[in-house]
Amino acid sequence: MLAGHPACPHVRKAASPVLPRGRTTPVRDLSEGEMEELEDCLDAVQRPFPRLRRSTPLMQAVQCAEGLWDSDG
């Protein structure tokens, strides 16, 4: 997991899974490559936007986006 990753510091480690309401299983962890793909996608400003190879849990995508926006100033 990439907790503390420069652009996504709020993404949690697997050791402390967060379960959204109604969910009985933890959200899966993203690999380093998946996190970089997500950052590239969120950071893109022109078409064609980079595609993700796998779906990304919404909670982790939002946390990563917040981290990117916070680091932009």
Protein backbone atom coordinates (compact mmCIF):
# COMPACT_ATOMS: atom_id res chain seq x y z
CA MET A 1 0.00 0.00 0.00
CA LEU A 2 1.16 3.52 -0.60
CA ALA A 3 0.28 5.31 2.59
CA GLY A 4 2.55 8.29 2.79
CA HIS A 5 3.05 8.32 -1.00
CA PRO A 6 3.92 11.94 -1.87
CA ALA A 7 0.77 12.64 -3.87
CA CYS A 8 -1.55 10.39 -1.90
CA PRO A 9 -0.58 10.63 1.77
CA HIS A 10 -4.11 9.96 3.02
CA VAL A 11 -4.46 6.50 1.47
CA ARG A 12 -4.49 4.01 4.34
CA LYS A 13 -2.28 0.98 4.86
CA ALA A 14 -3.75 -2.50 4.66
CA ALA A 15 -3.10 -3.01 8.38
CA SER A 16 -5.86 -0.53 9.20
CA PRO A 17 -8.63 -1.15 6.66
CA VAL A 18 -11.54 1.24 6.62
CA LEU A 19 -14.93 -0.28 5.98
CA PRO A 20 -17.51 2.07 4.48
CA ARG A 21 -21.07 1.66 5.74
CA GLY A 22 -22.67 -1.52 4.56
CA ARG A 23 -19.36 -3.08 3.50
CA THR A 24 -18.15 -6.27 5.11
CA THR A 25 -14.78 -6.61 3.36
CA PRO A 26 -11.92 -4.09 3.34
CA VAL A 27 -11.14 -2.05 0.24
CA ARG A 28 -8.32 -3.65 -1.75
CA ASP A 29 -4.87 -2.10 -1.70
CA LEU A 30 -3.42 -0.42 -4.78
CA SER A 31 -0.02 -1.43 -6.11
CA GLU A 32 2.68 1.15 -6.82
CA GLY A 33 1.87 0.91 -10.54
CA GLU A 34 -1.87 1.33 -9.98
CA MET A 35 -1.24 4.36 -7.78
CA GLU A 36 0.96 5.95 -10.45
CA GLU A 37 -1.69 5.27 -13.13
CA LEU A 38 -4.34 6.84 -10.91
CA GLU A 39 -2.17 9.92 -10.30
CA ASP A 40 -1.51 10.28 -14.04
CA CYS A 41 -5.22 10.00 -14.77
CA LEU A 42 -6.23 12.51 -12.10
CA ASP A 43 -3.47 14.91 -13.12
CA ALA A 44 -4.27 14.82 -16.86
CA VAL A 45 -5.71 17.98 -18.41
CA GLN A 46 -5.96 16.95 -22.08
CA ARG A 47 -7.59 14.18 -24.04
CA PRO A 48 -6.96 11.37 -24.47
CA PHE A 49 -6.97 10.82 -20.71
CA PRO A 50 -4.87 7.90 -19.45
CA ARG A 51 -6.87 4.74 -18.87
CA LEU A 52 -6.69 2.67 -15.72
CA ARG A 53 -5.98 -1.04 -16.22
CA ARG A 54 -8.24 -1.98 -13.29
CA SER A 55 -11.11 -0.34 -11.52
CA THR A 56 -10.10 1.66 -8.47
CA PRO A 57 -12.10 1.81 -5.24
CA LEU A 58 -13.79 5.20 -5.12
CA MET A 59 -12.62 5.90 -1.57
CA GLN A 60 -8.98 5.49 -2.60
CA ALA A 61 -9.43 7.56 -5.77
CA VAL A 62 -10.95 10.41 -3.75
CA GLN A 63 -8.18 10.26 -1.13
CA CYS A 64 -5.54 10.36 -3.86
CA ALA A 65 -7.27 13.28 -5.61
CA GLU A 66 -7.41 15.21 -2.33
CA GLY A 67 -3.70 14.57 -1.81
CA LEU A 68 -2.87 15.79 -5.32
CA TRP A 69 -4.98 18.92 -4.91
CA ASP A 70 -3.46 19.66 -1.50
CA SER A 71 0.06 19.33 -2.93
CA ASP A 72 -0.81 21.72 -5.80
CA GLY A 73 -1.33 24.49 -3.37
